[in-house]
């Protein structure tokens, strides 16, 4: 059974729960990569929310600019824009990592404009450059807003909102007919392959 909550993207939001409802301390990173006075974890979460507030339309396109410069986007753009808000240029970072070890990415011809927008590449990048955490959604104390969750062919940012069981929502962009950008899907999927945090 799917439960869709329109949080921050609907005129009729539904109340959700948070860390405080389950006695889970909020996690704040010790790193502030962009020096804006806001820690990485919070910056990433805020960046994800700012991006979905622009109401991107799901469509896969190639951009000479790398980052989409119109109203379109896909799941990886949620993550890329969230990280850019914290001072991490995923386009540049993924490209540098690919060039350092193209074999592990299984890429013959790197393309900086698109490689960072492919889930399979982000799986490799985060496994090499981020803190790996549990993939069990029921270990609720180990999931925090601003984390990154990777599914078999999908990716999103973990929300600071939780369902009645304490399982985190996910901020993501899955298809053109998605009910909301922020949804209670984590325990409904059986294909979680990665859960990462950018900094301690």
C-alpha atoms as a PDB file:
ATOM      1  CA  UNK A   1       0.000   0.000   0.000  1.00  0.00           C
ATOM      2  CA  UNK A   2       1.458   3.332  -1.087  1.00  0.00           C
ATOM      3  CA  UNK A   3       0.859   6.477   0.907  1.00  0.00           C
ATOM      4  CA  UNK A   4       1.531   9.737  -0.930  1.00  0.00           C
ATOM      5  CA  UNK A   5       2.138  12.896   1.074  1.00  0.00           C
ATOM      6  CA  UNK A   6       2.190  16.285  -0.554  1.00  0.00           C
ATOM      7  CA  UNK A   7       4.749  18.039   1.592  1.00  0.00           C
ATOM      8  CA  UNK A   8       6.059  21.388   0.463  1.00  0.00           C
ATOM      9  CA  UNK A   9       4.770  20.785  -3.058  1.00  0.00           C
ATOM     10  CA  UNK A  10       1.030  20.844  -2.485  1.00  0.00           C
ATOM     11  CA  UNK A  11      -1.502  23.439  -1.420  1.00  0.00           C
ATOM     12  CA  UNK A  12      -2.933  20.891   0.992  1.00  0.00           C
ATOM     13  CA  UNK A  13       0.041  19.358   2.814  1.00  0.00           C
ATOM     14  CA  UNK A  14      -0.413  16.373   5.103  1.00  0.00           C
ATOM     15  CA  UNK A  15       1.158  16.367   8.539  1.00  0.00           C
ATOM     16  CA  UNK A  16       4.214  14.150   8.795  1.00  0.00           C
ATOM     17  CA  UNK A  17       6.469  13.152  11.646  1.00  0.00           C
ATOM     18  CA  UNK A  18      10.081  14.057  12.263  1.00  0.00           C
ATOM     19  CA  UNK A  19      13.137  13.005  14.257  1.00  0.00           C
ATOM     20  CA  UNK A  20      11.804  14.516  17.450  1.00  0.00           C
ATOM     21  CA  UNK A  21       8.768  12.233  17.358  1.00  0.00           C
ATOM     22  CA  UNK A  22      11.031   9.191  17.630  1.00  0.00           C
ATOM     23  CA  UNK A  23      13.739  10.571  19.901  1.00  0.00           C
ATOM     24  CA  UNK A  24      16.258  10.659  17.051  1.00  0.00           C
ATOM     25  CA  UNK A  25      18.826  13.471  17.294  1.00  0.00           C
ATOM     26  CA  UNK A  26      19.141  15.669  14.223  1.00  0.00           C
ATOM     27  CA  UNK A  27      22.442  15.114  12.437  1.00  0.00           C
ATOM     28  CA  UNK A  28      24.515  18.150  11.541  1.00  0.00           C
ATOM     29  CA  UNK A  29      27.693  17.713   9.544  1.00  0.00           C
ATOM     30  CA  UNK A  30      30.943  19.119  10.877  1.00  0.00           C
ATOM     31  CA  UNK A  31      31.678  20.282   7.312  1.00  0.00           C
ATOM     32  CA  UNK A  32      30.459  23.446   5.615  1.00  0.00           C
ATOM     33  CA  UNK A  33      31.935  23.041   2.155  1.00  0.00           C
ATOM     34  CA  UNK A  34      30.569  26.263   0.687  1.00  0.00           C
ATOM     35  CA  UNK A  35      31.274  28.346   3.779  1.00  0.00           C
ATOM     36  CA  UNK A  36      27.751  29.754   3.992  1.00  0.00           C
ATOM     37  CA  UNK A  37      27.343  29.041   7.698  1.00  0.00           C
ATOM     38  CA  UNK A  38      25.062  26.077   7.021  1.00  0.00           C
ATOM     39  CA  UNK A  39      26.416  22.553   7.442  1.00  0.00           C
ATOM     40  CA  UNK A  40      26.561  20.176   4.468  1.00  0.00           C
ATOM     41  CA  UNK A  41      23.722  17.933   5.621  1.00  0.00           C
ATOM     42  CA  UNK A  42      21.298  20.820   6.027  1.00  0.00           C
ATOM     43  CA  UNK A  43      22.494  22.475   2.823  1.00  0.00           C
ATOM     44  CA  UNK A  44      21.849  19.297   0.827  1.00  0.00           C
ATOM     45  CA  UNK A  45      18.347  18.904   2.237  1.00  0.00           C
ATOM     46  CA  UNK A  46      17.538  22.563   1.618  1.00  0.00           C
ATOM     47  CA  UNK A  47      18.962  22.299  -1.893  1.00  0.00           C
ATOM     48  CA  UNK A  48      16.756  19.317  -2.694  1.00  0.00           C
ATOM     49  CA  UNK A  49      13.689  21.177  -1.474  1.00  0.00           C
ATOM     50  CA  UNK A  50      14.620  24.308  -3.419  1.00  0.00           C
ATOM     51  CA  UNK A  51      15.027  22.256  -6.583  1.00  0.00           C
ATOM     52  CA  UNK A  52      11.674  20.468  -6.350  1.00  0.00           C
ATOM     53  CA  UNK A  53      10.014  23.791  -5.490  1.00  0.00           C
ATOM     54  CA  UNK A  54      10.838  24.802  -9.072  1.00  0.00           C
ATOM     55  CA  UNK A  55       8.456  22.020 -10.176  1.00  0.00           C
ATOM     56  CA  UNK A  56      10.746  20.336 -12.716  1.00  0.00           C
ATOM     57  CA  UNK A  57       9.057  18.312 -15.443  1.00  0.00           C
ATOM     58  CA  UNK A  58      10.375  14.782 -15.859  1.00  0.00           C
ATOM     59  CA  UNK A  59      12.175  14.429 -19.177  1.00  0.00           C
ATOM     60  CA  UNK A  60      15.554  12.970 -20.062  1.00  0.00           C
ATOM     61  CA  UNK A  61      17.571  15.262 -22.304  1.00  0.00           C
ATOM     62  CA  UNK A  62      21.233  15.977 -23.044  1.00  0.00           C
ATOM     63  CA  UNK A  63      22.588  19.406 -22.111  1.00  0.00           C
ATOM     64  CA  UNK A  64      25.785  20.996 -23.350  1.00  0.00           C
ATOM     65  CA  UNK A  65      25.778  22.818 -20.004  1.00  0.00           C
ATOM     66  CA  UNK A  66      25.672  19.552 -18.071  1.00  0.00           C
ATOM     67  CA  UNK A  67      23.107  20.827 -15.600  1.00  0.00           C
ATOM     68  CA  UNK A  68      19.667  21.298 -17.172  1.00  0.00           C
ATOM     69  CA  UNK A  69      19.004  24.942 -17.996  1.00  0.00           C
ATOM     70  CA  UNK A  70      15.262  24.646 -18.512  1.00  0.00           C
ATOM     71  CA  UNK A  71      12.287  23.237 -16.586  1.00  0.00           C
ATOM     72  CA  UNK A  72      13.123  19.602 -17.280  1.00  0.00           C
ATOM     73  CA  UNK A  73      14.981  17.081 -15.155  1.00  0.00           C
ATOM     74  CA  UNK A  74      15.365  13.500 -13.941  1.00  0.00           C
ATOM     75  CA  UNK A  75      16.106  11.787 -10.629  1.00  0.00           C
ATOM     76  CA  UNK A  76      19.834  12.493 -10.708  1.00  0.00           C
ATOM     77  CA  UNK A  77      19.172  16.217 -11.048  1.00  0.00           C
ATOM     78  CA  UNK A  78      17.558  16.270  -7.607  1.00  0.00           C
ATOM     79  CA  UNK A  79      20.795  14.970  -6.131  1.00  0.00           C
ATOM     80  CA  UNK A  80      23.113  17.094  -8.275  1.00  0.00           C
ATOM     81  CA  UNK A  81      21.275  20.305  -7.418  1.00  0.00           C
ATOM     82  CA  UNK A  82      21.035  19.384  -3.740  1.00  0.00           C
ATOM     83  CA  UNK A  83      24.773  18.826  -3.586  1.00  0.00           C
ATOM     84  CA  UNK A  84      25.553  21.967  -5.549  1.00  0.00           C
ATOM     85  CA  UNK A  85      23.656  23.914  -2.900  1.00  0.00           C
ATOM     86  CA  UNK A  86      26.206  22.602  -0.383  1.00  0.00           C
ATOM     87  CA  UNK A  87      29.184  23.512  -2.555  1.00  0.00           C
ATOM     88  CA  UNK A  88      29.744  20.186  -4.304  1.00  0.00           C
ATOM     89  CA  UNK A  89      29.852  20.308  -8.118  1.00  0.00           C
ATOM     90  CA  UNK A  90      28.841  16.747  -8.905  1.00  0.00           C
ATOM     91  CA  UNK A  91      29.442  17.245 -12.622  1.00  0.00           C
ATOM     92  CA  UNK A  92      33.085  18.084 -11.993  1.00  0.00           C
ATOM     93  CA  UNK A  93      33.587  15.610  -9.156  1.00  0.00           C
ATOM     94  CA  UNK A  94      32.209  12.619 -11.044  1.00  0.00           C
ATOM     95  CA  UNK A  95      34.209  13.526 -14.139  1.00  0.00           C
ATOM     96  CA  UNK A  96      37.428  13.760 -12.131  1.00  0.00           C
ATOM     97  CA  UNK A  97      36.742  10.402 -10.479  1.00  0.00           C
ATOM     98  CA  UNK A  98      36.004   8.762 -13.820  1.00  0.00           C
ATOM     99  CA  UNK A  99      39.214  10.116 -15.337  1.00  0.00           C
ATOM    100  CA  UNK A 100      41.167   8.828 -12.346  1.00  0.00           C
ATOM    101  CA  UNK A 101      39.826   5.290 -12.775  1.00  0.00           C
ATOM    102  CA  UNK A 102      37.689   4.773 -15.921  1.00  0.00           C
ATOM    103  CA  UNK A 103      37.927   0.993 -15.548  1.00  0.00           C
ATOM    104  CA  UNK A 104      35.833   0.907 -12.384  1.00  0.00           C
ATOM    105  CA  UNK A 105      33.143   2.984 -14.111  1.00  0.00           C
ATOM    106  CA  UNK A 106      33.235   0.829 -17.252  1.00  0.00           C
ATOM    107  CA  UNK A 107      33.289   3.949 -19.435  1.00  0.00           C
ATOM    108  CA  UNK A 108      35.202   4.119 -22.710  1.00  0.00           C
ATOM    109  CA  UNK A 109      34.522   7.756 -23.541  1.00  0.00           C
ATOM    110  CA  UNK A 110      33.840  10.002 -20.549  1.00  0.00           C
ATOM    111  CA  UNK A 111      31.375  12.823 -21.148  1.00  0.00           C
ATOM    112  CA  UNK A 112      31.367  15.436 -18.388  1.00  0.00           C
ATOM    113  CA  UNK A 113      27.972  16.750 -19.496  1.00  0.00           C
ATOM    114  CA  UNK A 114      26.050  13.527 -18.892  1.00  0.00           C
ATOM    115  CA  UNK A 115      28.078  11.091 -16.794  1.00  0.00           C
ATOM    116  CA  UNK A 116      27.007  12.692 -13.498  1.00  0.00           C
ATOM    117  CA  UNK A 117      23.361  12.358 -14.511  1.00  0.00           C
ATOM    118  CA  UNK A 118      23.455   8.562 -14.756  1.00  0.00           C
ATOM    119  CA  UNK A 119      22.501   6.476 -11.734  1.00  0.00           C
ATOM    120  CA  UNK A 120      24.994   3.732 -12.524  1.00  0.00           C
ATOM    121  CA  UNK A 121      27.846   6.242 -12.354  1.00  0.00           C
ATOM    122  CA  UNK A 122      26.576   7.801  -9.141  1.00  0.00           C
ATOM    123  CA  UNK A 123      26.461   4.345  -7.549  1.00  0.00           C
ATOM    124  CA  UNK A 124      30.170   4.036  -8.210  1.00  0.00           C
ATOM    125  CA  UNK A 125      31.006   7.617  -7.254  1.00  0.00           C
ATOM    126  CA  UNK A 126      29.269   7.576  -3.882  1.00  0.00           C
ATOM    127  CA  UNK A 127      30.601   4.134  -3.021  1.00  0.00           C
ATOM    128  CA  UNK A 128      34.098   5.577  -3.450  1.00  0.00           C
ATOM    129  CA  UNK A 129      33.630   9.087  -2.084  1.00  0.00           C
ATOM    130  CA  UNK A 130      30.922   9.109   0.587  1.00  0.00           C
ATOM    131  CA  UNK A 131      30.149   7.487   3.927  1.00  0.00           C
ATOM    132  CA  UNK A 132      28.288   4.207   3.422  1.00  0.00           C
ATOM    133  CA  UNK A 133      25.352   3.576   5.771  1.00  0.00           C
ATOM    134  CA  UNK A 134      22.682   0.941   6.318  1.00  0.00           C
ATOM    135  CA  UNK A 135      20.271   0.013   3.547  1.00  0.00           C
ATOM    136  CA  UNK A 136      17.717  -1.278   6.068  1.00  0.00           C
ATOM    137  CA  UNK A 137      14.945   1.362   6.184  1.00  0.00           C
ATOM    138  CA  UNK A 138      13.773   0.068   9.570  1.00  0.00           C
ATOM    139  CA  UNK A 139      17.007   1.097  11.278  1.00  0.00           C
ATOM    140  CA  UNK A 140      15.369   4.481  11.487  1.00  0.00           C
ATOM    141  CA  UNK A 141      17.983   6.132  13.688  1.00  0.00           C
ATOM    142  CA  UNK A 142      20.562   5.733  10.919  1.00  0.00           C
ATOM    143  CA  UNK A 143      18.580   7.667   8.305  1.00  0.00           C
ATOM    144  CA  UNK A 144      18.736  11.458   8.268  1.00  0.00           C
ATOM    145  CA  UNK A 145      17.425  14.195   6.038  1.00  0.00           C
ATOM    146  CA  UNK A 146      20.113  15.098   3.529  1.00  0.00           C
ATOM    147  CA  UNK A 147      21.395  11.540   3.106  1.00  0.00           C
ATOM    148  CA  UNK A 148      21.461  10.015  -0.376  1.00  0.00           C
ATOM    149  CA  UNK A 149      19.591   6.807  -1.183  1.00  0.00           C
ATOM    150  CA  UNK A 150      20.256   4.793  -4.306  1.00  0.00           C
ATOM    151  CA  UNK A 151      17.933   2.182  -5.764  1.00  0.00           C
ATOM    152  CA  UNK A 152      18.694  -0.220  -8.595  1.00  0.00           C
ATOM    153  CA  UNK A 153      17.843   2.349 -11.277  1.00  0.00           C
ATOM    154  CA  UNK A 154      16.864   5.397  -9.257  1.00  0.00           C
ATOM    155  CA  UNK A 155      18.275   7.889  -6.736  1.00  0.00           C
ATOM    156  CA  UNK A 156      16.974  10.486  -4.307  1.00  0.00           C
ATOM    157  CA  UNK A 157      17.619  12.567  -1.210  1.00  0.00           C
ATOM    158  CA  UNK A 158      16.388  11.301   2.144  1.00  0.00           C
ATOM    159  CA  UNK A 159      13.803  13.631   3.669  1.00  0.00           C
ATOM    160  CA  UNK A 160      13.639  14.803   7.280  1.00  0.00           C
ATOM    161  CA  UNK A 161       9.976  13.757   7.267  1.00  0.00           C
ATOM    162  CA  UNK A 162       8.988  10.298   8.499  1.00  0.00           C
ATOM    163  CA  UNK A 163       5.938   8.075   8.377  1.00  0.00           C
ATOM    164  CA  UNK A 164       4.151   6.710  11.433  1.00  0.00           C
ATOM    165  CA  UNK A 165       6.742   3.952  11.795  1.00  0.00           C
ATOM    166  CA  UNK A 166       9.639   6.392  11.654  1.00  0.00           C
ATOM    167  CA  UNK A 167      10.713   5.392   8.149  1.00  0.00           C
ATOM    168  CA  UNK A 168      12.048   8.326   6.167  1.00  0.00           C
ATOM    169  CA  UNK A 169      10.375   9.812   3.127  1.00  0.00           C
ATOM    170  CA  UNK A 170      12.396  10.369  -0.041  1.00  0.00           C
ATOM    171  CA  UNK A 171      12.688  13.549  -2.122  1.00  0.00           C
ATOM    172  CA  UNK A 172      12.934  12.323  -5.682  1.00  0.00           C
ATOM    173  CA  UNK A 173      11.786  12.635  -9.297  1.00  0.00           C
ATOM    174  CA  UNK A 174      10.817   9.285 -10.736  1.00  0.00           C
ATOM    175  CA  UNK A 175       8.473   9.816 -13.676  1.00  0.00           C
ATOM    176  CA  UNK A 176       6.127  12.328 -15.340  1.00  0.00           C
ATOM    177  CA  UNK A 177       3.105  11.055 -13.394  1.00  0.00           C
ATOM    178  CA  UNK A 178       4.568  11.147  -9.891  1.00  0.00           C
ATOM    179  CA  UNK A 179       2.023  12.213  -7.280  1.00  0.00           C
ATOM    180  CA  UNK A 180       4.504  14.257  -5.244  1.00  0.00           C
ATOM    181  CA  UNK A 181       8.216  14.995  -5.198  1.00  0.00           C
ATOM    182  CA  UNK A 182       8.393  13.956  -1.531  1.00  0.00           C
ATOM    183  CA  UNK A 183       6.985  10.508  -0.874  1.00  0.00           C
ATOM    184  CA  UNK A 184       6.785   7.656   1.588  1.00  0.00           C
ATOM    185  CA  UNK A 185       8.391   5.005  -0.636  1.00  0.00           C
ATOM    186  CA  UNK A 186      11.451   3.750   1.213  1.00  0.00           C
ATOM    187  CA  UNK A 187       9.914   0.657   2.808  1.00  0.00           C
ATOM    188  CA  UNK A 188       7.813  -0.055  -0.283  1.00  0.00           C
ATOM    189  CA  UNK A 189      10.839  -0.819  -2.459  1.00  0.00           C
ATOM    190  CA  UNK A 190      13.061  -3.873  -2.323  1.00  0.00           C
ATOM    191  CA  UNK A 191      15.872  -2.508  -4.477  1.00  0.00           C
ATOM    192  CA  UNK A 192      17.817  -0.197  -2.157  1.00  0.00           C
ATOM    193  CA  UNK A 193      21.457  -0.658  -3.144  1.00  0.00           C
ATOM    194  CA  UNK A 194      23.100   2.259  -1.371  1.00  0.00           C
ATOM    195  CA  UNK A 195      22.684   4.798   1.418  1.00  0.00           C
ATOM    196  CA  UNK A 196      25.308   7.500   1.764  1.00  0.00           C
ATOM    197  CA  UNK A 197      26.231  10.641   3.674  1.00  0.00           C
ATOM    198  CA  UNK A 198      28.554  13.224   2.180  1.00  0.00           C
ATOM    199  CA  UNK A 199      30.414  14.290   5.309  1.00  0.00           C
ATOM    200  CA  UNK A 200      30.678  13.534   9.013  1.00  0.00           C
END
